[in-house]
Protein backbone atom coordinates (compact mmCIF):
# COMPACT_ATOMS: atom_id res chain seq x y z
CA MET A 1 54.53 -18.08 -3.06
CA ARG A 2 51.29 -18.98 -4.86
CA CYS A 3 48.24 -16.76 -4.87
CA VAL A 4 44.76 -18.25 -4.90
CA CYS A 5 42.04 -16.01 -6.39
CA VAL A 6 38.40 -16.72 -5.40
CA CYS A 7 35.63 -15.11 -7.59
CA VAL A 8 32.37 -14.53 -5.89
CA CYS A 9 29.38 -14.03 -8.09
CA VAL A 10 26.59 -11.84 -6.70
CA GLN A 11 23.08 -12.93 -7.63
CA PRO A 12 20.06 -10.67 -7.43
CA ASP A 13 17.19 -11.67 -5.09
CA TRP A 14 14.68 -10.58 -7.83
CA THR A 15 14.56 -8.56 -11.01
CA PHE A 16 11.87 -6.42 -12.76
CA VAL A 17 12.04 -5.57 -16.52
CA LEU A 18 10.81 -1.93 -16.93
CA GLY A 19 11.05 -1.70 -20.73
CA GLU A 20 12.58 1.77 -20.51
CA GLN A 21 15.55 3.37 -18.88
CA ALA A 22 15.45 4.01 -15.07
CA LEU A 23 16.15 7.71 -14.28
CA ASP A 24 16.05 7.49 -10.50
CA LEU A 25 15.38 4.99 -7.82
CA CYS A 26 14.29 5.27 -4.16
CA VAL A 27 13.34 2.74 -1.43
CA SER A 28 10.98 4.05 1.12
CA SER A 29 9.20 2.54 4.04
CA PHE A 30 5.86 4.24 4.81
CA SER A 31 4.68 1.52 7.23
CA HIS A 32 6.20 -1.15 9.42
CA ALA A 33 4.84 -3.85 7.31
CA SER A 34 6.95 -3.62 4.06
CA SER A 35 9.10 -1.27 1.94
CA SER A 36 8.34 0.12 -1.47
CA VAL A 37 10.83 0.49 -4.42
CA PHE A 38 10.00 3.55 -6.38
CA VAL A 39 11.50 3.61 -9.98
CA LEU A 40 11.26 6.73 -12.14
CA GLY A 41 11.22 5.81 -15.76
CA GLU A 42 11.41 7.93 -18.87
CA ARG A 43 7.57 7.96 -19.14
CA ASN A 44 6.26 5.95 -16.18
CA LEU A 45 6.50 5.87 -12.32
CA TYR A 46 6.67 2.35 -10.90
CA CYS A 47 6.07 1.39 -7.23
CA LEU A 48 7.18 -2.17 -6.53
CA ARG A 49 6.89 -4.25 -3.29
CA ASP A 50 10.08 -5.49 -1.74
CA ASN A 51 9.52 -8.82 -3.42
CA SER A 52 9.27 -7.43 -7.08
CA HIS A 53 5.60 -7.55 -7.32
CA ILE A 54 4.00 -4.25 -8.71
CA ARG A 55 1.95 -2.00 -6.48
CA PHE A 56 1.07 0.50 -9.12
CA MET A 57 2.33 2.15 -12.21
CA LYS A 58 1.55 5.74 -13.29
CA LYS A 59 1.99 6.93 -16.89
CA LEU A 60 3.42 10.35 -17.14
CA GLU A 61 2.52 13.02 -19.88
CA PHE A 62 5.88 14.89 -19.38
CA ASN A 63 9.58 14.24 -19.13
CA PRO A 64 10.36 13.86 -15.45
CA SER A 65 13.77 14.88 -14.07
CA CYS A 66 13.54 13.72 -10.42
CA PHE A 67 11.14 12.54 -7.77
CA LEU A 68 11.03 12.35 -3.97
CA PRO A 69 8.44 9.98 -2.35
CA PHE A 70 6.97 10.93 0.94
CA ALA A 71 3.82 10.05 2.92
CA SER A 72 1.09 12.55 2.99
CA GLY A 73 -2.34 11.11 3.85
CA THR A 74 -3.24 8.60 1.18
CA THR A 75 -0.96 9.90 -1.57
CA SER A 76 2.69 9.16 -1.40
CA SER A 77 4.64 10.01 -4.53
CA PRO A 78 4.93 13.59 -5.77
CA LEU A 79 7.16 14.17 -8.87
CA GLY A 80 9.26 17.12 -9.89
CA ALA A 81 9.26 17.68 -13.59
CA ALA A 82 11.45 19.83 -15.84
CA PRO A 83 8.98 22.80 -15.73
CA LEU A 84 9.04 22.44 -11.84
CA ARG A 85 5.50 21.17 -11.48
CA LEU A 86 4.50 18.92 -8.72
CA LEU A 87 1.86 16.15 -9.13
């Protein structure tokens, strides 16, 4: 009996070069219009649209360890840092 192997290559829909290591990633939908991709870098927080266009980038003056995006009025991205501060 002869086996036929088929290789399927998965291609990304889009990519974004951060220029630093990504520590955490979260996809959130705060409105019905579109989703946001939050990426926590070593020194920056990125918010991308679901088509790879950047919404905003925030430079951080500390070393973050994690983050949890949530909607709260007009601001929507608190960060937890090593000293347990919230921004």
